[in-house]
């Protein structure tokens, strides 16, 4: 088990909020990472994606 996995296990054991929200947070992170990889692989900027979606660039970079 990696140090990160040990930390997550310990934190889940002592922090009920962390335990209850960890999976949702992790899934949201994975989706964001996949979207960024796809955007970068396509050679588009955040501004270009926003323009194509008729919205504004995210404030979270």
Protein backbone atom coordinates (compact mmCIF):
# COMPACT_ATOMS: atom_id res chain seq x y z
CA UNK A 1 0.00 0.00 0.00
CA UNK A 2 1.38 3.42 -0.97
CA UNK A 3 1.80 6.29 1.46
CA UNK A 4 -1.12 8.04 -0.21
CA UNK A 5 -3.37 5.02 0.19
CA UNK A 6 -2.34 4.75 3.85
CA UNK A 7 -3.15 8.41 4.40
CA UNK A 8 -6.57 8.06 2.74
CA UNK A 9 -7.38 4.99 4.83
CA UNK A 10 -6.37 6.71 8.07
CA UNK A 11 -8.25 9.88 7.17
CA UNK A 12 -11.41 7.92 6.32
CA UNK A 13 -11.18 6.15 9.69
CA UNK A 14 -11.07 9.39 11.69
CA UNK A 15 -13.00 11.91 9.57
CA UNK A 16 -16.61 11.07 8.71
CA UNK A 17 -17.00 14.07 6.35
CA UNK A 18 -13.91 12.99 4.42
CA UNK A 19 -15.13 9.38 4.32
CA UNK A 20 -18.61 10.36 3.09
CA UNK A 21 -17.38 12.78 0.40
CA UNK A 22 -14.15 11.16 -0.76
CA UNK A 23 -15.57 9.09 -3.61
CA UNK A 24 -17.62 11.93 -5.12
CA UNK A 25 -14.64 14.27 -4.91
CA UNK A 26 -12.34 11.71 -6.46
CA UNK A 27 -14.73 11.05 -9.34
CA UNK A 28 -15.08 14.79 -10.02
CA UNK A 29 -11.27 15.09 -10.05
CA UNK A 30 -10.95 12.19 -12.52
CA UNK A 31 -13.54 13.69 -14.85
CA UNK A 32 -11.75 17.04 -14.78
CA UNK A 33 -8.40 15.40 -15.48
CA UNK A 34 -9.83 13.45 -18.42
CA UNK A 35 -11.45 16.56 -19.88
CA UNK A 36 -8.17 18.47 -19.59
CA UNK A 37 -6.25 15.66 -21.28
CA UNK A 38 -8.77 15.55 -24.13
CA UNK A 39 -8.67 19.34 -24.53
CA UNK A 40 -4.88 19.41 -24.58
CA UNK A 41 -4.70 16.44 -26.99
CA UNK A 42 -7.00 18.32 -29.36
CA UNK A 43 -4.77 21.38 -29.17
CA UNK A 44 -7.54 23.65 -27.89
CA UNK A 45 -7.30 26.29 -25.19
CA UNK A 46 -9.87 26.74 -22.44
CA UNK A 47 -11.02 29.89 -24.21
CA UNK A 48 -11.58 28.01 -27.48
CA UNK A 49 -13.57 25.28 -25.72
CA UNK A 50 -15.68 27.90 -23.94
CA UNK A 51 -16.36 29.68 -27.24
CA UNK A 52 -17.48 26.43 -28.90
CA UNK A 53 -19.78 25.75 -25.93
CA UNK A 54 -21.09 29.33 -25.92
CA UNK A 55 -19.95 29.92 -22.35
CA UNK A 56 -17.07 31.53 -20.49
CA UNK A 57 -13.71 30.07 -19.56
CA UNK A 58 -13.64 28.53 -16.09
CA UNK A 59 -12.27 30.66 -13.30
CA UNK A 60 -10.49 27.53 -11.97
CA UNK A 61 -7.33 26.99 -13.95
